[in-house]
N, C-alpha and C. Protein backbone atom coordinates (compact mmCIF):
# COMPACT_ATOMS: atom_id res chain seq x y z
N MET A 1 -11.44 -13.69 31.58
CA MET A 1 -10.46 -14.49 32.28
C MET A 1 -9.54 -13.51 33.11
N ALA A 2 -9.28 -13.88 34.35
CA ALA A 2 -8.37 -13.06 35.20
C ALA A 2 -7.00 -13.18 34.76
N LEU A 3 -6.21 -12.25 35.22
CA LEU A 3 -4.71 -12.23 34.77
C LEU A 3 -4.01 -13.48 35.17
N ASN A 4 -4.24 -13.92 36.35
CA ASN A 4 -3.50 -15.16 36.75
C ASN A 4 -3.93 -16.37 35.92
N GLU A 5 -5.17 -16.46 35.55
CA GLU A 5 -5.61 -17.55 34.71
C GLU A 5 -5.05 -17.50 33.28
N ASN A 6 -4.99 -16.26 32.85
CA ASN A 6 -4.50 -16.03 31.51
C ASN A 6 -3.01 -16.27 31.40
N ILE A 7 -2.26 -15.93 32.47
CA ILE A 7 -0.81 -16.27 32.46
C ILE A 7 -0.60 -17.76 32.36
N LYS A 8 -1.37 -18.52 33.20
CA LYS A 8 -1.19 -19.95 33.21
C LYS A 8 -1.67 -20.60 31.91
N ALA A 9 -2.84 -20.10 31.36
CA ALA A 9 -3.30 -20.69 30.17
C ALA A 9 -2.33 -20.46 28.97
N ARG A 10 -1.78 -19.31 28.93
CA ARG A 10 -0.88 -18.96 27.83
C ARG A 10 0.43 -19.77 28.00
N ARG A 11 0.97 -19.90 29.16
CA ARG A 11 2.13 -20.66 29.48
C ARG A 11 1.94 -22.10 29.02
N LEU A 12 0.87 -22.72 29.42
CA LEU A 12 0.50 -24.10 29.00
C LEU A 12 0.30 -24.22 27.51
N GLN A 13 -0.32 -23.23 26.96
CA GLN A 13 -0.52 -23.27 25.52
C GLN A 13 0.78 -23.29 24.73
N LEU A 14 1.74 -22.51 25.25
CA LEU A 14 3.09 -22.44 24.62
C LEU A 14 3.99 -23.61 25.11
N LYS A 15 3.45 -24.50 25.97
CA LYS A 15 4.20 -25.66 26.52
C LYS A 15 5.51 -25.20 27.23
N MET A 16 5.38 -24.16 28.08
CA MET A 16 6.50 -23.68 28.81
C MET A 16 6.30 -24.10 30.28
N SER A 17 7.43 -24.42 30.92
CA SER A 17 7.33 -24.75 32.35
C SER A 17 7.46 -23.45 33.16
N GLN A 18 7.00 -23.54 34.43
CA GLN A 18 7.13 -22.41 35.29
C GLN A 18 8.68 -22.02 35.44
N GLU A 19 9.48 -23.09 35.48
CA GLU A 19 10.91 -22.88 35.61
C GLU A 19 11.54 -22.10 34.41
N TYR A 20 11.02 -22.44 33.18
CA TYR A 20 11.54 -21.79 31.97
C TYR A 20 11.10 -20.31 31.94
N VAL A 21 9.82 -20.07 32.34
CA VAL A 21 9.37 -18.67 32.42
C VAL A 21 10.18 -17.88 33.44
N ALA A 22 10.41 -18.44 34.59
CA ALA A 22 11.12 -17.82 35.64
C ALA A 22 12.56 -17.49 35.18
N ASP A 23 13.19 -18.46 34.56
CA ASP A 23 14.56 -18.34 34.01
C ASP A 23 14.64 -17.23 33.04
N GLN A 24 13.62 -17.12 32.07
CA GLN A 24 13.65 -16.11 31.05
C GLN A 24 13.45 -14.68 31.62
N LEU A 25 12.68 -14.65 32.71
CA LEU A 25 12.39 -13.29 33.26
C LEU A 25 13.41 -12.96 34.42
N GLY A 26 14.26 -13.91 34.78
CA GLY A 26 15.23 -13.68 35.85
C GLY A 26 14.60 -13.65 37.23
N ILE A 27 13.62 -14.44 37.50
CA ILE A 27 12.94 -14.37 38.73
C ILE A 27 12.86 -15.86 39.29
N SER A 28 12.23 -16.04 40.46
CA SER A 28 12.13 -17.39 40.93
C SER A 28 10.90 -18.12 40.44
N ARG A 29 10.96 -19.46 40.43
CA ARG A 29 9.83 -20.22 40.00
C ARG A 29 8.57 -19.95 40.89
N GLN A 30 8.84 -19.72 42.16
CA GLN A 30 7.77 -19.43 43.21
C GLN A 30 7.06 -18.18 42.82
N ALA A 31 7.77 -17.19 42.33
CA ALA A 31 7.05 -15.91 41.86
C ALA A 31 6.07 -16.16 40.75
N VAL A 32 6.41 -17.06 39.81
CA VAL A 32 5.52 -17.39 38.63
C VAL A 32 4.36 -18.20 39.16
N ALA A 33 4.64 -19.11 40.16
CA ALA A 33 3.58 -19.91 40.77
C ALA A 33 2.55 -19.02 41.51
N LYS A 34 3.07 -17.92 42.21
CA LYS A 34 2.21 -17.02 42.91
C LYS A 34 1.39 -16.20 41.96
N TRP A 35 1.94 -15.84 40.80
CA TRP A 35 1.13 -15.12 39.81
C TRP A 35 -0.03 -15.95 39.34
N GLU A 36 0.30 -17.25 39.07
CA GLU A 36 -0.65 -18.13 38.45
C GLU A 36 -1.78 -18.51 39.47
N SER A 37 -1.43 -18.56 40.75
CA SER A 37 -2.41 -18.85 41.78
C SER A 37 -3.17 -17.62 42.20
N GLY A 38 -2.77 -16.41 41.76
CA GLY A 38 -3.47 -15.18 42.11
C GLY A 38 -3.00 -14.60 43.39
N GLN A 39 -1.95 -15.14 44.08
CA GLN A 39 -1.54 -14.63 45.34
C GLN A 39 -0.73 -13.30 45.18
N SER A 40 -0.16 -13.12 43.98
CA SER A 40 0.50 -11.78 43.70
C SER A 40 0.35 -11.57 42.20
N GLU A 41 0.71 -10.33 41.78
CA GLU A 41 0.72 -9.98 40.39
C GLU A 41 2.10 -9.48 39.97
N PRO A 42 2.39 -9.65 38.68
CA PRO A 42 3.69 -9.20 38.24
C PRO A 42 3.84 -7.66 38.27
N THR A 43 5.04 -7.21 38.40
CA THR A 43 5.24 -5.78 38.34
C THR A 43 5.12 -5.36 36.87
N ALA A 44 5.04 -4.04 36.60
CA ALA A 44 4.88 -3.55 35.20
C ALA A 44 6.00 -4.04 34.34
N ALA A 45 7.26 -4.04 34.83
CA ALA A 45 8.42 -4.51 34.09
C ALA A 45 8.26 -6.02 33.73
N ASN A 46 7.89 -6.80 34.83
CA ASN A 46 7.72 -8.17 34.67
C ASN A 46 6.59 -8.57 33.68
N LEU A 47 5.52 -7.69 33.73
CA LEU A 47 4.34 -7.87 32.87
C LEU A 47 4.72 -7.70 31.40
N ALA A 48 5.58 -6.63 31.15
CA ALA A 48 6.01 -6.38 29.81
C ALA A 48 6.90 -7.46 29.33
N ALA A 49 7.80 -8.02 30.20
CA ALA A 49 8.73 -9.09 29.83
C ALA A 49 7.85 -10.35 29.58
N LEU A 50 6.88 -10.60 30.39
CA LEU A 50 6.01 -11.80 30.21
C LEU A 50 5.22 -11.67 28.86
N ALA A 51 4.72 -10.54 28.61
CA ALA A 51 3.91 -10.41 27.40
C ALA A 51 4.86 -10.61 26.15
N ASP A 52 6.13 -10.14 26.26
CA ASP A 52 7.05 -10.35 25.18
C ASP A 52 7.42 -11.78 25.04
N LEU A 53 7.64 -12.49 26.15
CA LEU A 53 7.95 -13.93 26.14
C LEU A 53 6.82 -14.79 25.56
N PHE A 54 5.61 -14.37 25.87
CA PHE A 54 4.43 -15.02 25.45
C PHE A 54 3.90 -14.58 24.01
N GLU A 55 4.67 -13.56 23.41
CA GLU A 55 4.40 -13.02 22.09
C GLU A 55 3.01 -12.50 22.06
N MET A 56 2.67 -11.67 23.13
CA MET A 56 1.38 -11.08 23.22
C MET A 56 1.45 -9.58 23.48
N ASN A 57 0.36 -8.94 23.22
CA ASN A 57 0.28 -7.57 23.63
C ASN A 57 -0.05 -7.49 25.13
N ILE A 58 0.51 -6.47 25.77
CA ILE A 58 0.21 -6.47 27.33
C ILE A 58 -1.27 -6.44 27.57
N SER A 59 -2.05 -5.64 26.76
CA SER A 59 -3.48 -5.53 27.06
C SER A 59 -4.16 -6.89 26.74
N GLU A 60 -3.59 -7.67 25.79
CA GLU A 60 -4.15 -8.94 25.48
C GLU A 60 -3.90 -9.92 26.71
N LEU A 61 -2.79 -9.69 27.42
CA LEU A 61 -2.49 -10.54 28.57
C LEU A 61 -3.30 -10.13 29.75
N VAL A 62 -3.43 -8.85 29.94
CA VAL A 62 -4.11 -8.31 31.14
C VAL A 62 -5.61 -8.41 31.06
N GLU A 63 -6.22 -7.94 29.86
CA GLU A 63 -7.62 -7.91 29.67
C GLU A 63 -7.94 -8.58 28.31
N PRO A 64 -7.87 -9.94 28.21
CA PRO A 64 -8.06 -10.57 26.94
C PRO A 64 -9.40 -10.33 26.27
N GLU A 65 -10.51 -10.21 27.04
CA GLU A 65 -11.82 -9.99 26.51
C GLU A 65 -11.93 -8.66 25.81
N LYS A 66 -11.46 -7.63 26.50
CA LYS A 66 -11.38 -6.27 26.04
C LYS A 66 -10.52 -6.19 24.77
N TYR A 67 -9.34 -6.84 24.82
CA TYR A 67 -8.38 -6.80 23.69
C TYR A 67 -9.06 -7.48 22.46
N ALA A 68 -9.72 -8.64 22.69
CA ALA A 68 -10.43 -9.30 21.54
C ALA A 68 -11.56 -8.40 21.03
N LYS A 69 -12.24 -7.66 21.85
CA LYS A 69 -13.25 -6.74 21.39
C LYS A 69 -12.69 -5.72 20.50
N GLU A 70 -11.61 -5.17 21.01
CA GLU A 70 -10.91 -4.11 20.24
C GLU A 70 -10.37 -4.58 18.93
N GLN A 71 -9.89 -5.85 18.92
CA GLN A 71 -9.38 -6.38 17.67
C GLN A 71 -10.52 -6.57 16.67
N ARG A 72 -11.70 -7.06 17.14
CA ARG A 72 -12.79 -7.18 16.32
C ARG A 72 -13.26 -5.84 15.75
N ALA A 73 -13.31 -4.86 16.56
CA ALA A 73 -13.68 -3.49 16.12
C ALA A 73 -12.79 -3.01 15.06
N GLN A 74 -11.42 -3.22 15.31
CA GLN A 74 -10.46 -2.79 14.29
C GLN A 74 -10.59 -3.57 13.01
N GLU A 75 -10.89 -4.83 13.02
CA GLU A 75 -11.10 -5.63 11.82
C GLU A 75 -12.27 -5.13 11.06
N GLU A 76 -13.40 -4.86 11.83
CA GLU A 76 -14.58 -4.26 11.18
C GLU A 76 -14.25 -2.96 10.48
N GLN A 77 -13.48 -2.08 11.17
CA GLN A 77 -13.09 -0.82 10.61
C GLN A 77 -12.26 -1.03 9.34
N ARG A 78 -11.37 -1.98 9.40
CA ARG A 78 -10.53 -2.19 8.25
C ARG A 78 -11.34 -2.71 7.11
N LYS A 79 -12.33 -3.60 7.35
CA LYS A 79 -13.20 -4.06 6.26
C LYS A 79 -14.03 -2.96 5.68
N GLU A 80 -14.58 -2.07 6.56
CA GLU A 80 -15.32 -0.89 6.08
C GLU A 80 -14.47 0.02 5.13
N LYS A 81 -13.26 0.27 5.62
CA LYS A 81 -12.37 1.11 4.77
C LYS A 81 -12.07 0.52 3.44
N LEU A 82 -11.88 -0.80 3.40
CA LEU A 82 -11.62 -1.52 2.13
C LEU A 82 -12.84 -1.47 1.27
N LYS A 83 -14.04 -1.60 1.85
CA LYS A 83 -15.26 -1.59 1.04
C LYS A 83 -15.43 -0.09 0.47
N ASN A 84 -15.15 0.85 1.38
CA ASN A 84 -15.28 2.27 0.96
C ASN A 84 -14.39 2.52 -0.22
N ALA A 85 -13.08 2.08 -0.12
CA ALA A 85 -12.12 2.31 -1.23
C ALA A 85 -12.64 1.70 -2.50
N LYS A 86 -13.22 0.45 -2.43
CA LYS A 86 -13.75 -0.18 -3.60
C LYS A 86 -14.90 0.56 -4.22
N MET A 87 -15.85 1.05 -3.33
CA MET A 87 -16.96 1.81 -3.78
C MET A 87 -16.52 3.11 -4.49
N HIS A 88 -15.54 3.78 -3.84
CA HIS A 88 -15.06 5.06 -4.42
C HIS A 88 -14.46 4.80 -5.84
N VAL A 89 -13.58 3.83 -5.90
CA VAL A 89 -12.99 3.54 -7.27
C VAL A 89 -14.07 3.02 -8.24
N GLY A 90 -15.00 2.25 -7.70
CA GLY A 90 -16.12 1.76 -8.58
C GLY A 90 -16.93 2.90 -9.11
N ARG A 91 -17.21 3.95 -8.31
CA ARG A 91 -18.08 5.00 -8.75
C ARG A 91 -17.37 5.72 -9.88
N ALA A 92 -16.09 6.08 -9.74
CA ALA A 92 -15.39 6.78 -10.80
C ALA A 92 -15.23 5.83 -12.06
N GLY A 93 -15.01 4.56 -11.73
CA GLY A 93 -14.87 3.56 -12.89
C GLY A 93 -16.19 3.44 -13.69
N ALA A 94 -17.29 3.56 -12.94
CA ALA A 94 -18.60 3.44 -13.56
C ALA A 94 -18.79 4.56 -14.59
N VAL A 95 -18.46 5.79 -14.14
CA VAL A 95 -18.57 6.97 -15.07
C VAL A 95 -17.70 6.82 -16.30
N ILE A 96 -16.54 6.34 -15.99
CA ILE A 96 -15.53 6.15 -17.16
C ILE A 96 -16.02 5.18 -18.13
N LEU A 97 -16.47 3.95 -17.64
CA LEU A 97 -16.95 2.98 -18.49
C LEU A 97 -18.23 3.37 -19.25
N ILE A 98 -19.15 4.07 -18.57
CA ILE A 98 -20.40 4.57 -19.25
C ILE A 98 -20.00 5.50 -20.33
N ASN A 99 -19.10 6.45 -20.03
CA ASN A 99 -18.67 7.43 -21.02
C ASN A 99 -17.97 6.71 -22.23
N ALA A 100 -17.02 5.88 -21.93
CA ALA A 100 -16.30 5.23 -22.99
C ALA A 100 -17.25 4.26 -23.86
N GLY A 101 -18.12 3.53 -23.11
CA GLY A 101 -19.03 2.65 -23.82
C GLY A 101 -19.98 3.45 -24.79
N TRP A 102 -20.49 4.55 -24.25
CA TRP A 102 -21.44 5.32 -25.06
C TRP A 102 -20.77 5.99 -26.25
N ASP A 103 -19.61 6.58 -25.91
CA ASP A 103 -18.79 7.29 -26.94
C ASP A 103 -18.49 6.31 -28.09
N GLY A 104 -18.03 5.11 -27.69
CA GLY A 104 -17.63 4.11 -28.73
C GLY A 104 -18.83 3.60 -29.56
N PHE A 105 -19.92 3.46 -28.84
CA PHE A 105 -21.10 2.99 -29.57
C PHE A 105 -21.73 4.03 -30.49
N SER A 106 -21.92 5.18 -29.93
CA SER A 106 -22.69 6.18 -30.66
C SER A 106 -21.93 7.03 -31.69
N SER A 107 -20.57 7.05 -31.51
CA SER A 107 -19.78 7.90 -32.47
C SER A 107 -19.53 7.20 -33.80
N GLY A 108 -19.42 5.91 -33.74
CA GLY A 108 -19.08 5.18 -34.93
C GLY A 108 -17.62 5.35 -35.40
N LEU A 109 -16.80 5.95 -34.51
CA LEU A 109 -15.40 6.22 -34.91
C LEU A 109 -14.53 5.01 -34.78
N TYR A 110 -14.91 4.08 -33.96
CA TYR A 110 -14.00 3.02 -33.53
C TYR A 110 -14.22 1.69 -34.27
N SER A 111 -15.38 1.54 -34.91
CA SER A 111 -15.73 0.30 -35.57
C SER A 111 -16.99 0.41 -36.42
N PRO A 112 -17.14 -0.29 -37.46
CA PRO A 112 -18.45 -0.14 -38.22
C PRO A 112 -19.50 -0.90 -37.45
N MET A 113 -19.17 -1.93 -36.60
CA MET A 113 -20.11 -2.64 -35.80
C MET A 113 -19.81 -2.50 -34.38
N PRO A 114 -20.03 -1.43 -33.68
CA PRO A 114 -19.51 -1.07 -32.34
C PRO A 114 -20.30 -1.69 -31.21
N TYR A 115 -20.96 -2.85 -31.46
CA TYR A 115 -21.91 -3.34 -30.38
C TYR A 115 -21.15 -3.82 -29.15
N TYR A 116 -19.87 -4.15 -29.17
CA TYR A 116 -19.13 -4.57 -28.06
C TYR A 116 -18.94 -3.37 -27.07
N TRP A 117 -19.15 -2.17 -27.56
CA TRP A 117 -19.04 -1.00 -26.71
C TRP A 117 -20.23 -1.05 -25.73
N LEU A 118 -21.41 -1.66 -26.13
CA LEU A 118 -22.54 -1.74 -25.28
C LEU A 118 -22.20 -2.64 -24.04
N ALA A 119 -21.35 -3.64 -24.19
CA ALA A 119 -20.92 -4.35 -23.07
C ALA A 119 -20.18 -3.52 -22.00
N ILE A 120 -19.35 -2.64 -22.50
CA ILE A 120 -18.59 -1.67 -21.68
C ILE A 120 -19.60 -0.76 -20.98
N LEU A 121 -20.57 -0.21 -21.74
CA LEU A 121 -21.60 0.61 -21.22
C LEU A 121 -22.43 -0.15 -20.13
N GLY A 122 -22.75 -1.31 -20.40
CA GLY A 122 -23.51 -2.19 -19.44
C GLY A 122 -22.73 -2.41 -18.17
N ALA A 123 -21.41 -2.73 -18.27
CA ALA A 123 -20.57 -2.87 -17.07
C ALA A 123 -20.61 -1.60 -16.24
N GLY A 124 -20.52 -0.46 -16.94
CA GLY A 124 -20.55 0.79 -16.19
C GLY A 124 -21.83 1.06 -15.52
N LEU A 125 -22.94 0.77 -16.16
CA LEU A 125 -24.27 0.90 -15.53
C LEU A 125 -24.48 0.02 -14.32
N ILE A 126 -23.94 -1.16 -14.39
CA ILE A 126 -24.05 -2.17 -13.24
C ILE A 126 -23.24 -1.55 -12.09
N LEU A 127 -22.01 -1.06 -12.33
CA LEU A 127 -21.20 -0.42 -11.31
C LEU A 127 -21.91 0.77 -10.70
N LEU A 128 -22.51 1.55 -11.58
CA LEU A 128 -23.20 2.76 -11.14
C LEU A 128 -24.42 2.36 -10.17
N PHE A 129 -25.06 1.28 -10.54
CA PHE A 129 -26.15 0.86 -9.74
C PHE A 129 -25.75 0.36 -8.36
N ILE A 130 -24.64 -0.41 -8.33
CA ILE A 130 -24.10 -0.94 -7.08
C ILE A 130 -23.69 0.19 -6.13
N THR A 131 -22.87 1.14 -6.73
CA THR A 131 -22.36 2.19 -5.92
C THR A 131 -23.46 3.15 -5.49
N SER A 132 -24.40 3.35 -6.32
CA SER A 132 -25.60 4.24 -5.96
C SER A 132 -26.37 3.61 -4.85
N THR A 133 -26.56 2.30 -4.77
CA THR A 133 -27.21 1.67 -3.69
C THR A 133 -26.49 1.84 -2.38
N ASP A 134 -25.16 1.69 -2.39
CA ASP A 134 -24.38 1.88 -1.17
C ASP A 134 -24.42 3.40 -0.82
N MET A 135 -24.32 4.31 -1.83
CA MET A 135 -24.35 5.68 -1.51
C MET A 135 -25.61 6.08 -0.74
N ARG A 136 -26.71 5.59 -1.29
CA ARG A 136 -28.06 5.93 -0.74
C ARG A 136 -28.13 5.58 0.76
N LYS A 137 -27.41 4.55 1.18
CA LYS A 137 -27.41 4.10 2.60
C LYS A 137 -26.59 5.10 3.46
N LYS A 138 -25.67 5.76 2.92
CA LYS A 138 -24.77 6.61 3.66
C LYS A 138 -25.00 8.16 3.50
N HIS A 139 -25.68 8.57 2.42
CA HIS A 139 -25.72 9.92 2.19
C HIS A 139 -27.06 10.33 1.51
N LYS A 140 -27.57 11.38 1.92
CA LYS A 140 -28.75 12.00 1.28
C LYS A 140 -28.30 12.94 0.19
N LEU A 141 -28.78 12.73 -1.02
CA LEU A 141 -28.40 13.62 -2.17
C LEU A 141 -28.72 15.09 -1.92
N GLU A 142 -27.75 15.91 -2.26
CA GLU A 142 -27.99 17.29 -2.16
C GLU A 142 -28.21 17.95 -3.56
N ARG A 143 -28.83 19.11 -3.60
CA ARG A 143 -29.22 19.73 -4.88
C ARG A 143 -28.06 19.84 -5.84
N LEU A 144 -26.92 20.41 -5.28
CA LEU A 144 -25.78 20.54 -6.18
C LEU A 144 -25.27 19.20 -6.75
N GLN A 145 -25.31 18.22 -5.90
CA GLN A 145 -24.88 16.87 -6.35
C GLN A 145 -25.70 16.30 -7.49
N ILE A 146 -27.05 16.54 -7.36
CA ILE A 146 -27.98 16.09 -8.35
C ILE A 146 -27.76 16.88 -9.62
N ALA A 147 -27.55 18.22 -9.52
CA ALA A 147 -27.34 19.01 -10.71
C ALA A 147 -26.09 18.70 -11.42
N VAL A 148 -25.03 18.50 -10.66
CA VAL A 148 -23.75 18.11 -11.36
C VAL A 148 -23.82 16.78 -11.98
N GLY A 149 -24.48 15.85 -11.29
CA GLY A 149 -24.69 14.47 -11.80
C GLY A 149 -25.51 14.57 -13.09
N ALA A 150 -26.56 15.42 -13.10
CA ALA A 150 -27.39 15.44 -14.34
C ALA A 150 -26.60 16.10 -15.48
N VAL A 151 -25.75 17.06 -15.19
CA VAL A 151 -24.92 17.72 -16.26
C VAL A 151 -23.96 16.60 -16.80
N MET A 152 -23.41 15.79 -15.89
CA MET A 152 -22.51 14.82 -16.38
C MET A 152 -23.21 13.76 -17.20
N ILE A 153 -24.35 13.26 -16.87
CA ILE A 153 -25.15 12.34 -17.69
C ILE A 153 -25.44 12.98 -19.03
N PHE A 154 -25.87 14.25 -18.96
CA PHE A 154 -26.23 14.97 -20.15
C PHE A 154 -25.04 15.08 -21.12
N SER A 155 -23.85 15.37 -20.54
CA SER A 155 -22.62 15.50 -21.29
C SER A 155 -22.14 14.21 -21.91
N ILE A 156 -22.50 13.08 -21.29
CA ILE A 156 -22.17 11.79 -21.81
C ILE A 156 -23.03 11.43 -22.95
N PHE A 157 -24.39 11.53 -22.78
CA PHE A 157 -25.28 11.01 -23.81
C PHE A 157 -25.80 12.05 -24.88
N PHE A 158 -25.85 13.27 -24.52
CA PHE A 158 -26.46 14.19 -25.40
C PHE A 158 -25.62 15.28 -25.94
N LEU A 159 -24.65 15.77 -25.11
CA LEU A 159 -23.84 16.94 -25.57
C LEU A 159 -23.08 16.79 -26.81
N PRO A 160 -22.50 15.62 -27.10
CA PRO A 160 -21.75 15.52 -28.40
C PRO A 160 -22.66 15.80 -29.60
N ARG A 161 -23.92 15.54 -29.59
CA ARG A 161 -24.80 15.77 -30.70
C ARG A 161 -25.21 17.28 -30.82
N LEU A 162 -25.05 17.95 -29.71
CA LEU A 162 -25.48 19.41 -29.65
C LEU A 162 -24.38 20.41 -29.98
N ILE A 163 -23.16 20.03 -29.89
CA ILE A 163 -22.06 20.87 -30.15
C ILE A 163 -22.00 21.17 -31.65
N PRO A 164 -21.98 22.38 -32.05
CA PRO A 164 -22.01 22.72 -33.51
C PRO A 164 -20.67 22.70 -34.13
N ILE A 165 -19.99 21.55 -34.16
CA ILE A 165 -18.67 21.39 -34.82
C ILE A 165 -18.86 20.18 -35.69
N ARG A 166 -18.29 20.22 -36.89
CA ARG A 166 -18.41 19.16 -37.81
C ARG A 166 -17.57 17.92 -37.47
N GLN A 167 -16.51 18.09 -36.97
CA GLN A 167 -15.66 16.97 -36.62
C GLN A 167 -16.14 16.25 -35.34
N VAL A 168 -16.50 14.98 -35.61
CA VAL A 168 -17.14 14.12 -34.57
C VAL A 168 -16.11 13.99 -33.42
N GLY A 169 -14.88 13.71 -33.64
CA GLY A 169 -13.88 13.52 -32.65
C GLY A 169 -13.83 14.75 -31.67
N ILE A 170 -13.84 15.93 -32.26
CA ILE A 170 -13.69 17.16 -31.43
C ILE A 170 -14.95 17.29 -30.56
N ARG A 171 -16.11 16.96 -31.12
CA ARG A 171 -17.42 17.09 -30.29
C ARG A 171 -17.33 16.16 -29.10
N TYR A 172 -16.96 14.89 -29.33
CA TYR A 172 -16.82 13.96 -28.22
C TYR A 172 -15.77 14.38 -27.22
N LEU A 173 -14.60 14.92 -27.76
CA LEU A 173 -13.60 15.34 -26.84
C LEU A 173 -14.11 16.46 -25.90
N LEU A 174 -14.76 17.46 -26.50
CA LEU A 174 -15.33 18.55 -25.67
C LEU A 174 -16.37 18.03 -24.65
N ALA A 175 -17.19 17.08 -25.05
CA ALA A 175 -18.18 16.53 -24.14
C ALA A 175 -17.46 15.71 -23.01
N ASP A 176 -16.39 15.00 -23.40
CA ASP A 176 -15.60 14.29 -22.37
C ASP A 176 -14.99 15.22 -21.41
N ILE A 177 -14.49 16.40 -21.84
CA ILE A 177 -13.93 17.35 -20.86
C ILE A 177 -14.95 17.85 -19.85
N VAL A 178 -16.19 18.06 -20.32
CA VAL A 178 -17.31 18.41 -19.44
C VAL A 178 -17.58 17.34 -18.39
N THR A 179 -17.60 16.07 -18.95
CA THR A 179 -17.84 14.88 -18.13
C THR A 179 -16.72 14.80 -17.04
N ALA A 180 -15.47 14.94 -17.51
CA ALA A 180 -14.33 14.85 -16.52
C ALA A 180 -14.45 15.93 -15.44
N ALA A 181 -14.78 17.14 -15.87
CA ALA A 181 -14.92 18.23 -14.87
C ALA A 181 -15.96 17.89 -13.85
N CYS A 182 -17.11 17.36 -14.28
CA CYS A 182 -18.22 16.98 -13.36
C CYS A 182 -17.73 15.86 -12.48
N LEU A 183 -17.03 14.86 -13.04
CA LEU A 183 -16.59 13.74 -12.23
C LEU A 183 -15.61 14.26 -11.14
N ILE A 184 -14.69 15.13 -11.48
CA ILE A 184 -13.71 15.62 -10.47
C ILE A 184 -14.47 16.39 -9.42
N LEU A 185 -15.48 17.24 -9.75
CA LEU A 185 -16.27 18.02 -8.80
C LEU A 185 -16.99 17.10 -7.83
N LEU A 186 -17.68 16.08 -8.41
CA LEU A 186 -18.37 15.16 -7.58
C LEU A 186 -17.42 14.41 -6.64
N ASN A 187 -16.32 14.04 -7.12
CA ASN A 187 -15.35 13.30 -6.34
C ASN A 187 -14.86 14.13 -5.14
N LEU A 188 -14.41 15.35 -5.47
CA LEU A 188 -13.84 16.24 -4.46
C LEU A 188 -14.83 16.68 -3.41
N LYS A 189 -16.10 16.95 -3.82
CA LYS A 189 -17.03 17.51 -2.94
C LYS A 189 -17.87 16.47 -2.21
N TYR A 190 -18.05 15.32 -2.82
CA TYR A 190 -18.99 14.33 -2.23
C TYR A 190 -18.34 12.92 -2.10
N TRP A 191 -17.95 12.32 -3.14
CA TRP A 191 -17.58 10.88 -3.08
C TRP A 191 -16.45 10.57 -2.09
N ARG A 192 -15.42 11.39 -2.01
CA ARG A 192 -14.30 11.12 -1.15
C ARG A 192 -14.66 11.24 0.33
N HIS A 193 -15.74 12.00 0.64
CA HIS A 193 -16.27 12.08 2.05
C HIS A 193 -17.30 10.97 2.30
N ILE A 194 -18.06 10.61 1.32
CA ILE A 194 -19.05 9.61 1.49
C ILE A 194 -18.34 8.21 1.73
N TRP A 195 -17.32 7.95 0.92
CA TRP A 195 -16.56 6.70 1.07
C TRP A 195 -15.24 6.97 1.61
N ASN A 196 -15.11 7.64 2.76
CA ASN A 196 -13.81 7.98 3.36
C ASN A 196 -13.17 6.66 3.73
N SER A 197 -11.92 6.45 3.21
CA SER A 197 -11.26 5.18 3.51
C SER A 197 -9.88 5.47 4.26
N LYS A 198 -9.81 6.64 4.94
CA LYS A 198 -8.68 6.95 5.77
C LYS A 198 -8.76 6.30 7.14
């Protein structure tokens, strides 16, 4: 849509008369009529005042198609950032849930019938699957990432049984420290870059 057509369409949409627009801008009604007929164009100052009166961005008034395209691109970018933030938090949450669920189930410290910990473990595994699927679309796994991930999984499921300390709580605490270190390393080196939400 040309500038003159856009001025007229927006004025009619807001139910403003040419006289009202002219009065608000401190110009003649004939000047507004010439803008709308395409006989002349508003000066930069009048264009800014007109955009303000119409509650529009100047670029929206001058190039509405381009402005709409830019707005769509910004909205897509905003949605991608939000999705990335969710994936990033979901990935860390998955590891925490898996670790907590397995610790609770396998240690026997928290309950004589710890089967509800399996639900926590299951929720973590589902989150891990969802975030892994998204990660695979954006990033090719590197050797260090695979190695640290393997150490983290090992520390969750096997390390507590291999640590030669009698106190079960201490064994799980030490394994959790290794898991946390792996989680931090993966987050700093990979995940925050894969799911950049800035």
